[in-house]
Amino acid sequence: KKIEAIIKPFKLDEVKEALVEAEIEGMTVSEVKGYGRQQGHS
């Protein structure tokens, strides 16, 4: 399975460390922009 997760930038290190600790290795990380229900801000 391929997991694609869109998360807040400041949560990356926490997610990565937990995945490595669980022996889930190998990931690709991209900086992206988008919006959902947030609809952006002024």
Full PDB file with SEQRES, HELIX, SHEET, SSBOND, CRYST1, ORIGX, SCALE, CONECT and MASTER records, all heavy atoms in Angstrom:
SEQRES   1 A   42  LYS LYS ILE GLU ALA ILE ILE LYS PRO PHE LYS LEU ASP          
SEQRES   2 A   42  GLU VAL LYS GLU ALA LEU VAL GLU ALA GLU ILE GLU GLY          
SEQRES   3 A   42  MET THR VAL SER GLU VAL LYS GLY TYR GLY ARG GLN GLN          
SEQRES   4 A   42  GLY HIS SER                                                  
HELIX    1 AA1 PRO A    9  LYS A   11  5                                   3    
HELIX    2 AA2 LEU A   12  GLU A   21  1                                  10    
CRYST1    1.000    1.000    1.000  90.00  90.00  90.00 P 1           1          
ORIGX1      1.000000  0.000000  0.000000        0.00000                         
ORIGX2      0.000000  1.000000  0.000000        0.00000                         
ORIGX3      0.000000  0.000000  1.000000        0.00000                         
SCALE1      1.000000  0.000000  0.000000        0.00000                         
SCALE2      0.000000  1.000000  0.000000        0.00000                         
SCALE3      0.000000  0.000000  1.000000        0.00000                         
ATOM      1  N   LYS A   1       0.836  -1.191   0.000  1.00  0.00           N  
ATOM      2  CA  LYS A   1       0.000   0.000   0.000  1.00  0.00           C  
ATOM      3  C   LYS A   1       0.875   1.246   0.000  1.00  0.00           C  
ATOM      4  O   LYS A   1       1.958   1.264   0.568  1.00  0.00           O  
ATOM      5  CB  LYS A   1      -0.883   0.052   1.249  1.00  0.00           C  
ATOM      6  CG  LYS A   1      -1.756  -1.153   1.458  1.00  0.00           C  
ATOM      7  CD  LYS A   1      -2.871  -1.224   0.462  1.00  0.00           C  
ATOM      8  CE  LYS A   1      -3.793  -2.389   0.825  1.00  0.00           C  
ATOM      9  NZ  LYS A   1      -4.653  -2.749  -0.260  1.00  0.00           N  
ATOM     10  N   LYS A   2       0.369   2.284  -0.640  1.00  0.00           N  
ATOM     11  CA  LYS A   2       1.030   3.586  -0.611  1.00  0.00           C  
ATOM     12  C   LYS A   2       0.203   4.504   0.270  1.00  0.00           C  
ATOM     13  O   LYS A   2      -1.006   4.638   0.084  1.00  0.00           O  
ATOM     14  CB  LYS A   2       1.134   4.185  -2.009  1.00  0.00           C  
ATOM     15  CG  LYS A   2       1.803   5.549  -2.019  1.00  0.00           C  
ATOM     16  CD  LYS A   2       1.883   6.090  -3.435  1.00  0.00           C  
ATOM     17  CE  LYS A   2       2.611   7.413  -3.458  1.00  0.00           C  
ATOM     18  NZ  LYS A   2       2.665   7.941  -4.833  1.00  0.00           N  
ATOM     19  N   ILE A   3       0.879   5.111   1.235  1.00  0.00           N  
ATOM     20  CA  ILE A   3       0.234   6.064   2.128  1.00  0.00           C  
ATOM     21  C   ILE A   3       0.715   7.452   1.736  1.00  0.00           C  
ATOM     22  O   ILE A   3       1.921   7.699   1.665  1.00  0.00           O  
ATOM     23  CB  ILE A   3       0.609   5.791   3.597  1.00  0.00           C  
ATOM     24  CG1 ILE A   3       0.189   4.387   4.003  1.00  0.00           C  
ATOM     25  CG2 ILE A   3      -0.005   6.854   4.506  1.00  0.00           C  
ATOM     26  CD1 ILE A   3       0.756   3.959   5.350  1.00  0.00           C  
ATOM     27  N   GLU A   4      -0.224   8.336   1.467  1.00  0.00           N  
ATOM     28  CA  GLU A   4       0.083   9.738   1.224  1.00  0.00           C  
ATOM     29  C   GLU A   4      -0.582  10.520   2.342  1.00  0.00           C  
ATOM     30  O   GLU A   4      -1.802  10.480   2.475  1.00  0.00           O  
ATOM     31  CB  GLU A   4      -0.453  10.200  -0.124  1.00  0.00           C  
ATOM     32  CG  GLU A   4       0.231   9.529  -1.304  1.00  0.00           C  
ATOM     33  CD  GLU A   4      -0.351   9.990  -2.624  1.00  0.00           C  
ATOM     34  OE1 GLU A   4      -0.101  11.141  -3.010  1.00  0.00           O  
ATOM     35  OE2 GLU A   4      -1.064   9.192  -3.240  1.00  0.00           O  
ATOM     36  N   ALA A   5       0.211  11.207   3.127  1.00  0.00           N  
ATOM     37  CA  ALA A   5      -0.321  11.975   4.246  1.00  0.00           C  
ATOM     38  C   ALA A   5       0.031  13.439   4.066  1.00  0.00           C  
ATOM     39  O   ALA A   5       1.186  13.779   3.820  1.00  0.00           O  
ATOM     40  CB  ALA A   5       0.247  11.454   5.563  1.00  0.00           C  
ATOM     41  N   ILE A   6      -0.976  14.289   4.170  1.00  0.00           N  
ATOM     42  CA  ILE A   6      -0.783  15.732   4.117  1.00  0.00           C  
ATOM     43  C   ILE A   6      -0.903  16.220   5.561  1.00  0.00           C  
ATOM     44  O   ILE A   6      -1.958  16.059   6.181  1.00  0.00           O  
ATOM     45  CB  ILE A   6      -1.851  16.422   3.240  1.00  0.00           C  
ATOM     46  CG1 ILE A   6      -1.977  15.735   1.879  1.00  0.00           C  
ATOM     47  CG2 ILE A   6      -1.567  17.905   3.121  1.00  0.00           C  
ATOM     48  CD1 ILE A   6      -0.771  15.806   1.005  1.00  0.00           C  
ATOM     49  N   ILE A   7       0.181  16.785   6.102  1.00  0.00           N  
ATOM     50  CA  ILE A   7       0.196  17.186   7.507  1.00  0.00           C  
ATOM     51  C   ILE A   7       0.733  18.600   7.663  1.00  0.00           C  
ATOM     52  O   ILE A   7       1.280  19.178   6.721  1.00  0.00           O  
ATOM     53  CB  ILE A   7       1.035  16.204   8.363  1.00  0.00           C  
ATOM     54  CG1 ILE A   7       2.515  16.246   7.945  1.00  0.00           C  
ATOM     55  CG2 ILE A   7       0.482  14.786   8.270  1.00  0.00           C  
ATOM     56  CD1 ILE A   7       3.444  15.482   8.869  1.00  0.00           C  
ATOM     57  N   LYS A   8       0.606  19.136   8.873  1.00  0.00           N  
ATOM     58  CA  LYS A   8       1.174  20.450   9.176  1.00  0.00           C  
ATOM     59  C   LYS A   8       2.696  20.318   9.236  1.00  0.00           C  
ATOM     60  O   LYS A   8       3.220  19.327   9.751  1.00  0.00           O  
ATOM     61  CB  LYS A   8       0.631  20.961  10.501  1.00  0.00           C  
ATOM     62  CG  LYS A   8      -0.847  21.308  10.421  1.00  0.00           C  
ATOM     63  CD  LYS A   8      -1.343  21.908  11.710  1.00  0.00           C  
ATOM     64  CE  LYS A   8      -2.787  22.356  11.534  1.00  0.00           C  
ATOM     65  NZ  LYS A   8      -3.302  23.049  12.716  1.00  0.00           N  
ATOM     66  N   PRO A   9       3.415  21.315   8.726  1.00  0.00           N  
ATOM     67  CA  PRO A   9       4.884  21.224   8.656  1.00  0.00           C  
ATOM     68  C   PRO A   9       5.580  20.951   9.989  1.00  0.00           C  
ATOM     69  O   PRO A   9       6.532  20.185  10.040  1.00  0.00           O  
ATOM     70  CB  PRO A   9       5.300  22.584   8.087  1.00  0.00           C  
ATOM     71  CG  PRO A   9       4.116  23.033   7.299  1.00  0.00           C  
ATOM     72  CD  PRO A   9       2.913  22.517   8.062  1.00  0.00           C  
ATOM     73  N   PHE A  10       5.108  21.536  11.071  1.00  0.00           N  
ATOM     74  CA  PHE A  10       5.803  21.374  12.353  1.00  0.00           C  
ATOM     75  C   PHE A  10       5.611  19.989  12.965  1.00  0.00           C  
ATOM     76  O   PHE A  10       6.244  19.662  13.963  1.00  0.00           O  
ATOM     77  CB  PHE A  10       5.393  22.471  13.348  1.00  0.00           C  
ATOM     78  CG  PHE A  10       3.956  22.424  13.781  1.00  0.00           C  
ATOM     79  CD1 PHE A  10       3.576  21.675  14.884  1.00  0.00           C  
ATOM     80  CD2 PHE A  10       2.989  23.139  13.088  1.00  0.00           C  
ATOM     81  CE1 PHE A  10       2.257  21.646  15.300  1.00  0.00           C  
ATOM     82  CE2 PHE A  10       1.672  23.117  13.492  1.00  0.00           C  
ATOM     83  CZ  PHE A  10       1.300  22.370  14.602  1.00  0.00           C  
ATOM     84  N   LYS A  11       4.789  19.148  12.357  1.00  0.00           N  
ATOM     85  CA  LYS A  11       4.558  17.796  12.856  1.00  0.00           C  
ATOM     86  C   LYS A  11       5.443  16.746  12.172  1.00  0.00           C  
ATOM     87  O   LYS A  11       5.465  15.585  12.555  1.00  0.00           O  
ATOM     88  CB  LYS A  11       3.088  17.397  12.675  1.00  0.00           C  
ATOM     89  CG  LYS A  11       2.151  18.105  13.632  1.00  0.00           C  
ATOM     90  CD  LYS A  11       2.487  17.679  15.032  1.00  0.00           C  
ATOM     91  CE  LYS A  11       1.386  17.925  16.015  1.00  0.00           C  
ATOM     92  NZ  LYS A  11       1.666  17.280  17.288  1.00  0.00           N  
ATOM     93  N   LEU A  12       6.209  17.144  11.161  1.00  0.00           N  
ATOM     94  CA  LEU A  12       7.000  16.199  10.378  1.00  0.00           C  
ATOM     95  C   LEU A  12       7.992  15.410  11.225  1.00  0.00           C  
ATOM     96  O   LEU A  12       8.041  14.179  11.139  1.00  0.00           O  
ATOM     97  CB  LEU A  12       7.744  16.911   9.242  1.00  0.00           C  
ATOM     98  CG  LEU A  12       8.697  16.028   8.432  1.00  0.00           C  
ATOM     99  CD1 LEU A  12       7.953  14.887   7.759  1.00  0.00           C  
ATOM    100  CD2 LEU A  12       9.449  16.856   7.418  1.00  0.00           C  
ATOM    101  N   ASP A  13       8.799  16.070  12.033  1.00  0.00           N  
ATOM    102  CA  ASP A  13       9.821  15.366  12.815  1.00  0.00           C  
ATOM    103  C   ASP A  13       9.212  14.345  13.762  1.00  0.00           C  
ATOM    104  O   ASP A  13       9.723  13.229  13.902  1.00  0.00           O  
ATOM    105  CB  ASP A  13      10.681  16.356  13.603  1.00  0.00           C  
ATOM    106  CG  ASP A  13      11.624  17.137  12.709  1.00  0.00           C  
ATOM    107  OD1 ASP A  13      11.924  16.643  11.601  1.00  0.00           O  
ATOM    108  OD2 ASP A  13      12.046  18.232  13.110  1.00  0.00           O  
ATOM    109  N   GLU A  14       8.125  14.701  14.391  1.00  0.00           N  
ATOM    110  CA  GLU A  14       7.450  13.795  15.324  1.00  0.00           C  
ATOM    111  C   GLU A  14       6.937  12.545  14.608  1.00  0.00           C  
ATOM    112  O   GLU A  14       7.108  11.424  15.091  1.00  0.00           O  
ATOM    113  CB  GLU A  14       6.288  14.558  15.971  1.00  0.00           C  
ATOM    114  CG  GLU A  14       5.825  14.007  17.283  1.00  0.00           C  
ATOM    115  CD  GLU A  14       4.786  14.909  17.929  1.00  0.00           C  
ATOM    116  OE1 GLU A  14       4.799  16.142  17.710  1.00  0.00           O  
ATOM    117  OE2 GLU A  14       3.955  14.360  18.670  1.00  0.00           O  
ATOM    118  N   VAL A  15       6.330  12.734  13.445  1.00  0.00           N  
ATOM    119  CA  VAL A  15       5.816  11.604  12.656  1.00  0.00           C  
ATOM    120  C   VAL A  15       6.973  10.730  12.179  1.00  0.00           C  
ATOM    121  O   VAL A  15       6.935   9.506  12.308  1.00  0.00           O  
ATOM    122  CB  VAL A  15       4.970  12.106  11.460  1.00  0.00           C  
ATOM    123  CG1 VAL A  15       4.626  10.968  10.516  1.00  0.00           C  
ATOM    124  CG2 VAL A  15       3.711  12.799  11.953  1.00  0.00           C  
ATOM    125  N   LYS A  16       8.012  11.365  11.642  1.00  0.00           N  
ATOM    126  CA  LYS A  16       9.158  10.619  11.111  1.00  0.00           C  
ATOM    127  C   LYS A  16       9.824   9.772  12.187  1.00  0.00           C  
ATOM    128  O   LYS A  16      10.105   8.592  11.979  1.00  0.00           O  
ATOM    129  CB  LYS A  16      10.173  11.580  10.500  1.00  0.00           C  
ATOM    130  CG  LYS A  16      11.366  10.884   9.890  1.00  0.00           C  
ATOM    131  CD  LYS A  16      12.399  11.904   9.454  1.00  0.00           C  
ATOM    132  CE  LYS A  16      13.732  11.366   9.767  1.00  0.00           C  
ATOM    133  NZ  LYS A  16      14.674  12.014  10.527  1.00  0.00           N  
ATOM    134  N   GLU A  17      10.089  10.359  13.336  1.00  0.00           N  
ATOM    135  CA  GLU A  17      10.743   9.626  14.423  1.00  0.00           C  
ATOM    136  C   GLU A  17       9.920   8.428  14.878  1.00  0.00           C  
ATOM    137  O   GLU A  17      10.463   7.354  15.127  1.00  0.00           O  
ATOM    138  CB  GLU A  17      11.007  10.571  15.603  1.00  0.00           C  
ATOM    139  CG  GLU A  17      12.112  11.575  15.324  1.00  0.00           C  
ATOM    140  CD  GLU A  17      12.213  12.670  16.368  1.00  0.00           C  
ATOM    141  OE1 GLU A  17      11.561  12.551  17.435  1.00  0.00           O  
ATOM    142  OE2 GLU A  17      12.940  13.642  16.121  1.00  0.00           O  
ATOM    143  N   ALA A  18       8.622   8.592  14.965  1.00  0.00           N  
ATOM    144  CA  ALA A  18       7.754   7.481  15.386  1.00  0.00           C  
ATOM    145  C   ALA A  18       7.717   6.370  14.339  1.00  0.00           C  
ATOM    146  O   ALA A  18       7.708   5.186  14.685  1.00  0.00           O  
ATOM    147  CB  ALA A  18       6.345   7.988  15.665  1.00  0.00           C  
ATOM    148  N   LEU A  19       7.721   6.723  13.066  1.00  0.00           N  
ATOM    149  CA  LEU A  19       7.735   5.708  12.001  1.00  0.00           C  
ATOM    150  C   LEU A  19       9.046   4.930  12.013  1.00  0.00           C  
ATOM    151  O   LEU A  19       9.053   3.708  11.887  1.00  0.00           O  
ATOM    152  CB  LEU A  19       7.502   6.354  10.635  1.00  0.00           C  
ATOM    153  CG  LEU A  19       6.089   6.855  10.360  1.00  0.00           C  
ATOM    154  CD1 LEU A  19       6.060   7.716   9.109  1.00  0.00           C  
ATOM    155  CD2 LEU A  19       5.112   5.704  10.247  1.00  0.00           C  
ATOM    156  N   VAL A  20      10.167   5.626  12.163  1.00  0.00           N  
ATOM    157  CA  VAL A  20      11.468   4.961  12.205  1.00  0.00           C  
ATOM    158  C   VAL A  20      11.552   4.036  13.414  1.00  0.00           C  
ATOM    159  O   VAL A  20      12.043   2.912  13.319  1.00  0.00           O  
ATOM    160  CB  VAL A  20      12.619   5.996  12.208  1.00  0.00           C  
ATOM    161  CG1 VAL A  20      13.954   5.347  12.522  1.00  0.00           C  
ATOM    162  CG2 VAL A  20      12.683   6.709  10.862  1.00  0.00           C  
ATOM    163  N   GLU A  21      11.037   4.493  14.546  1.00  0.00           N  
ATOM    164  CA  GLU A  21      11.028   3.669  15.761  1.00  0.00           C  
ATOM    165  C   GLU A  21      10.215   2.390  15.572  1.00  0.00           C  
ATOM    166  O   GLU A  21      10.540   1.354  16.131  1.00  0.00           O  
ATOM    167  CB  GLU A  21      10.443   4.489  16.917  1.00  0.00           C  
ATOM    168  CG  GLU A  21      10.612   3.860  18.273  1.00  0.00           C  
ATOM    169  CD  GLU A  21      10.146   4.793  19.375  1.00  0.00           C  
ATOM    170  OE1 GLU A  21      10.704   5.898  19.481  1.00  0.00           O  
ATOM    171  OE2 GLU A  21       9.221   4.407  20.112  1.00  0.00           O  
ATOM    172  N   ALA A  22       9.175   2.465  14.735  1.00  0.00           N  
ATOM    173  CA  ALA A  22       8.333   1.298  14.451  1.00  0.00           C  
ATOM    174  C   ALA A  22       8.888   0.465  13.298  1.00  0.00           C  
ATOM    175  O   ALA A  22       8.212  -0.428  12.786  1.00  0.00           O  
ATOM    176  CB  ALA A  22       6.917   1.743  14.137  1.00  0.00           C  
ATOM    177  N   GLU A  23      10.126   0.760  12.873  1.00  0.00           N  
ATOM    178  CA  GLU A  23      10.804   0.060  11.782  1.00  0.00           C  
ATOM    179  C   GLU A  23      10.090   0.204  10.443  1.00  0.00           C  
ATOM    180  O   GLU A  23      10.141  -0.675   9.594  1.00  0.00           O  
ATOM    181  CB  GLU A  23      11.023  -1.412  12.138  1.00  0.00           C  
ATOM    182  CG  GLU A  23      11.909  -1.589  13.358  1.00  0.00           C  
ATOM    183  CD  GLU A  23      12.139  -3.041  13.723  1.00  0.00           C  
ATOM    184  OE1 GLU A  23      11.660  -3.932  12.997  1.00  0.00           O  
ATOM    185  OE2 GLU A  23      12.815  -3.270  14.740  1.00  0.00           O  
ATOM    186  N   ILE A  24       9.433   1.345  10.268  1.00  0.00           N  
ATOM    187  CA  ILE A  24       8.834   1.695   8.978  1.00  0.00           C  
ATOM    188  C   ILE A  24       9.759   2.740   8.382  1.00  0.00           C  
ATOM    189  O   ILE A  24       9.768   3.890   8.801  1.00  0.00           O  
ATOM    190  CB  ILE A  24       7.402   2.235   9.155  1.00  0.00           C  
ATOM    191  CG1 ILE A  24       6.517   1.171   9.802  1.00  0.00           C  
ATOM    192  CG2 ILE A  24       6.835   2.695   7.814  1.00  0.00           C  
ATOM    193  CD1 ILE A  24       5.167   1.666  10.243  1.00  0.00           C  
ATOM    194  N   GLU A  25      10.571   2.300   7.425  1.00  0.00           N  
ATOM    195  CA  GLU A  25      11.614   3.161   6.885  1.00  0.00           C  
ATOM    196  C   GLU A  25      11.362   3.464   5.420  1.00  0.00           C  
ATOM    197  O   GLU A  25      10.683   2.722   4.725  1.00  0.00           O  
ATOM    198  CB  GLU A  25      12.972   2.493   7.061  1.00  0.00           C  
ATOM    199  CG  GLU A  25      13.325   2.274   8.518  1.00  0.00           C  
ATOM    200  CD  GLU A  25      14.605   1.489   8.705  1.00  0.00           C  
ATOM    201  OE1 GLU A  25      15.031   0.811   7.750  1.00  0.00           O  
ATOM    202  OE2 GLU A  25      15.159   1.556   9.805  1.00  0.00           O  
ATOM    203  N   GLY A  26      11.942   4.527   4.973  1.00  0.00           N  
ATOM    204  CA  GLY A  26      11.828   4.933   3.585  1.00  0.00           C  
ATOM    205  C   GLY A  26      10.605   5.789   3.376  1.00  0.00           C  
ATOM    206  O   GLY A  26       9.487   5.318   3.512  1.00  0.00           O  
ATOM    207  N   MET A  27      10.828   7.052   3.115  1.00  0.00           N  
ATOM    208  CA  MET A  27       9.713   7.951   2.848  1.00  0.00           C  
ATOM    209  C   MET A  27      10.175   9.064   1.934  1.00  0.00           C  
ATOM    210  O   MET A  27      11.362   9.367   1.860  1.00  0.00           O  
ATOM    211  CB  MET A  27       9.133   8.523   4.143  1.00  0.00           C  
ATOM    212  CG  MET A  27      10.019   9.518   4.846  1.00  0.00           C  
ATOM    213  SD  MET A  27       9.222  10.347   6.242  1.00  0.00           S  
ATOM    214  CE  MET A  27       8.923   8.991   7.340  1.00  0.00           C  
ATOM    215  N   THR A  28       9.228   9.633   1.243  1.00  0.00           N  
ATOM    216  CA  THR A  28       9.470  10.810   0.426  1.00  0.00           C  
ATOM    217  C   THR A  28       8.679  11.948   1.046  1.00  0.00           C  
ATOM    218  O   THR A  28       7.517  11.779   1.396  1.00  0.00           O  
ATOM    219  CB  THR A  28       9.004  10.577  -1.027  1.00  0.00           C  
ATOM    220  OG1 THR A  28       9.725   9.467  -1.558  1.00  0.00           O  
ATOM    221  CG2 THR A  28       9.248  11.801  -1.894  1.00  0.00           C  
ATOM    222  N   VAL A  29       9.323  13.095   1.189  1.00  0.00           N  
ATOM    223  CA  VAL A  29       8.679  14.257   1.797  1.00  0.00           C  
ATOM    224  C   VAL A  29       8.729  15.415   0.808  1.00  0.00           C  
ATOM    225  O   VAL A  29       9.778  15.697   0.230  1.00  0.00           O  
ATOM    226  CB  VAL A  29       9.387  14.647   3.114  1.00  0.00           C  
ATOM    227  CG1 VAL A  29       8.779  15.903   3.705  1.00  0.00           C  
ATOM    228  CG2 VAL A  29       9.331  13.504   4.109  1.00  0.00           C  
ATOM    229  N   SER A  30       7.593  16.067   0.629  1.00  0.00           N  
ATOM    230  CA  SER A  30       7.506  17.217  -0.270  1.00  0.00           C  
ATOM    231  C   SER A  30       6.850  18.377   0.458  1.00  0.00           C  
ATOM    232  O   SER A  30       5.927  18.175   1.252  1.00  0.00           O  
ATOM    233  CB  SER A  30       6.646  16.891  -1.499  1.00  0.00           C  
ATOM    234  OG  SER A  30       7.100  15.739  -2.151  1.00  0.00           O  
ATOM    235  N   GLU A  31       7.326  19.571   0.172  1.00  0.00           N  
ATOM    236  CA  GLU A  31       6.652  20.767   0.659  1.00  0.00           C  
ATOM    237  C   GLU A  31       5.574  21.103  -0.361  1.00  0.00           C  
ATOM    238  O   GLU A  31       5.868  21.276  -1.547  1.00  0.00           O  
ATOM    239  CB  GLU A  31       7.630  21.918   0.801  1.00  0.00           C  
ATOM    240  CG  GLU A  31       8.652  21.693   1.891  1.00  0.00           C  
ATOM    241  CD  GLU A  31       9.631  22.854   2.038  1.00  0.00           C  
ATOM    242  OE1 GLU A  31       9.433  23.902   1.365  1.00  0.00           O  
ATOM    243  OE2 GLU A  31      10.579  22.701   2.800  1.00  0.00           O  
ATOM    244  N   VAL A  32       4.341  21.168   0.098  1.00  0.00           N  
ATOM    245  CA  VAL A  32       3.212  21.437  -0.793  1.00  0.00           C  
ATOM    246  C   VAL A  32       2.376  22.568  -0.217  1.00  0.00           C  
ATOM    247  O   VAL A  32       2.566  22.984   0.924  1.00  0.00           O  
ATOM    248  CB  VAL A  32       2.344  20.169  -1.003  1.00  0.00           C  
ATOM    249  CG1 VAL A  32       3.135  19.074  -1.700  1.00  0.00           C  
ATOM    250  CG2 VAL A  32       1.777  19.664   0.313  1.00  0.00           C  
ATOM    251  N   LYS A  33       1.457  23.063  -1.007  1.00  0.00           N  
ATOM    252  CA  LYS A  33       0.505  24.072  -0.549  1.00  0.00           C  
ATOM    253  C   LYS A  33      -0.889  23.617  -0.919  1.00  0.00           C  
ATOM    254  O   LYS A  33      -1.091  22.970  -1.946  1.00  0.00           O  
ATOM    255  CB  LYS A  33       0.795  25.427  -1.202  1.00  0.00           C  
ATOM    256  CG  LYS A  33       2.092  26.039  -0.758  1.00  0.00           C  
ATOM    257  CD  LYS A  33       2.277  27.395  -1.365  1.00  0.00           C  
ATOM    258  CE  LYS A  33       3.583  27.994  -0.872  1.00  0.00           C  
ATOM    259  NZ  LYS A  33       3.725  29.376  -1.286  1.00  0.00           N  
ATOM    260  N   GLY A  34      -1.838  23.941  -0.069  1.00  0.00           N  
ATOM    261  CA  GLY A  34      -3.208  23.564  -0.363  1.00  0.00           C  
ATOM    262  C   GLY A  34      -4.161  24.114   0.668  1.00  0.00           C  
ATOM    263  O   GLY A  34      -3.772  24.834   1.583  1.00  0.00           O  
ATOM    264  N   TYR A  35      -5.419  23.779   0.497  1.00  0.00           N  
ATOM    265  CA  TYR A  35      -6.419  24.144   1.488  1.00  0.00           C  
ATOM    266  C   TYR A  35      -7.572  23.159   1.417  1.00  0.00           C  
ATOM    267  O   TYR A  35      -7.792  22.496   0.420  1.00  0.00           O  
ATOM    268  CB  TYR A  35      -6.927  25.575   1.295  1.00  0.00           C  
ATOM    269  CG  TYR A  35      -7.810  25.760   0.086  1.00  0.00           C  
ATOM    270  CD1 TYR A  35      -9.187  25.619   0.187  1.00  0.00           C  
ATOM    271  CD2 TYR A  35      -7.269  26.078  -1.148  1.00  0.00           C  
ATOM    272  CE1 TYR A  35     -10.005  25.782  -0.924  1.00  0.00           C  
ATOM    273  CE2 TYR A  35      -8.059  26.246  -2.257  1.00  0.00           C  
ATOM    274  CZ  TYR A  35      -9.435  26.103  -2.140  1.00  0.00           C  
ATOM    275  OH  TYR A  35     -10.231  26.267  -3.225  1.00  0.00           O  
ATOM    276  N   GLY A  36      -8.262  23.053   2.502  1.00  0.00           N  
ATOM    277  CA  GLY A  36      -9.454  22.221   2.601  1.00  0.00           C  
ATOM    278  C   GLY A  36     -10.535  23.069   3.230  1.00  0.00           C  
ATOM    279  O   GLY A  36     -10.856  24.152   2.746  1.00  0.00           O  
ATOM    280  N   ARG A  37     -11.019  22.642   4.358  1.00  0.00           N  
ATOM    281  CA  ARG A  37     -12.053  23.405   5.059  1.00  0.00           C  
ATOM    282  C   ARG A  37     -11.514  24.710   5.638  1.00  0.00           C  
ATOM    283  O   ARG A  37     -12.278  25.607   5.958  1.00  0.00           O  
ATOM    284  CB  ARG A  37     -12.651  22.560   6.175  1.00  0.00           C  
ATOM    285  CG  ARG A  37     -13.472  21.420   5.637  1.00  0.00           C  
ATOM    286  CD  ARG A  37     -14.163  20.696   6.743  1.00  0.00           C  
ATOM    287  NE  ARG A  37     -14.913  19.581   6.178  1.00  0.00           N  
ATOM    288  CZ  ARG A  37     -15.353  18.574   6.879  1.00  0.00           C  
ATOM    289  NH1 ARG A  37     -15.126  18.508   8.170  1.00  0.00           N  
ATOM    290  NH2 ARG A  37     -16.029  17.610   6.295  1.00  0.00           N  
ATOM    291  N   GLN A  38     -10.190  24.816   5.772  1.00  0.00           N  
ATOM    292  CA  GLN A  38      -9.600  26.042   6.305  1.00  0.00           C  
ATOM    293  C   GLN A  38      -9.899  27.239   5.421  1.00  0.00           C  
ATOM    294  O   GLN A  38     -10.027  28.352   5.898  1.00  0.00           O  
ATOM    295  CB  GLN A  38      -8.076  25.901   6.406  1.00  0.00           C  
ATOM    296  CG  GLN A  38      -7.609  25.060   7.547  1.00  0.00           C  
ATOM    297  CD  GLN A  38      -6.106  24.919   7.472  1.00  0.00           C  
ATOM    298  OE1 GLN A  38      -5.603  24.209   6.624  1.00  0.00           O  
ATOM    299  NE2 GLN A  38      -5.409  25.593   8.349  1.00  0.00           N  
ATOM    300  N   GLN A  39      -9.936  27.043   4.124  1.00  0.00           N  
ATOM    301  CA  GLN A  39     -10.185  28.094   3.136  1.00  0.00           C  
ATOM    302  C   GLN A  39      -9.163  29.216   3.182  1.00  0.00           C  
ATOM    303  O   GLN A  39      -9.432  30.324   2.759  1.00  0.00           O  
ATOM    304  CB  GLN A  39     -11.596  28.683   3.337  1.00  0.00           C  
ATOM    305  CG  GLN A  39     -12.706  27.691   3.144  1.00  0.00           C  
ATOM    306  CD  GLN A  39     -12.804  27.198   1.722  1.00  0.00           C  
ATOM    307  OE1 GLN A  39     -12.702  27.972   0.778  1.00  0.00           O  
ATOM    308  NE2 GLN A  39     -12.996  25.908   1.551  1.00  0.00           N  
ATOM    309  N   GLY A  40      -7.983  28.980   3.704  1.00  0.00           N  
ATOM    310  CA  GLY A  40      -6.938  29.999   3.737  1.00  0.00           C  
ATOM    311  C   GLY A  40      -7.207  31.044   4.808  1.00  0.00           C  
ATOM    312  O   GLY A  40      -8.024  30.850   5.690  1.00  0.00           O  
ATOM    313  N   HIS A  41      -6.508  32.181   4.718  1.00  0.00           N  
ATOM    314  CA  HIS A  41      -6.680  33.254   5.686  1.00  0.00           C  
ATOM    315  C   HIS A  41      -6.223  34.571   5.068  1.00  0.00           C  
ATOM    316  O   HIS A  41      -5.644  34.600   3.988  1.00  0.00           O  
ATOM    317  CB  HIS A  41      -5.900  32.956   6.977  1.00  0.00           C  
ATOM    318  CG  HIS A  41      -4.419  32.883   6.769  1.00  0.00           C  
ATOM    319  ND1 HIS A  41      -3.790  31.775   6.269  1.00  0.00           N  
ATOM    320  CD2 HIS A  41      -3.443  33.811   6.980  1.00  0.00           C  
ATOM    321  CE1 HIS A  41      -2.487  32.006   6.191  1.00  0.00           C  
ATOM    322  NE2 HIS A  41      -2.247  33.229   6.610  1.00  0.00           N  
ATOM    323  N   SER A  42      -6.502  35.675   5.763  1.00  0.00           N  
ATOM    324  CA  SER A  42      -6.105  37.001   5.285  1.00  0.00           C  
ATOM    325  C   SER A  42      -4.884  37.480   6.049  1.00  0.00           C  
ATOM    326  O   SER A  42      -4.736  37.198   7.234  1.00  0.00           O  
ATOM    327  CB  SER A  42      -7.249  38.002   5.486  1.00  0.00           C  
ATOM    328  OG  SER A  42      -8.370  37.620   4.728  1.00  0.00           O  
TER     329      SER A  42                                                      
MASTER        0    0    0    2    0    0    0    6  328    1    0    4          
END                                                                             
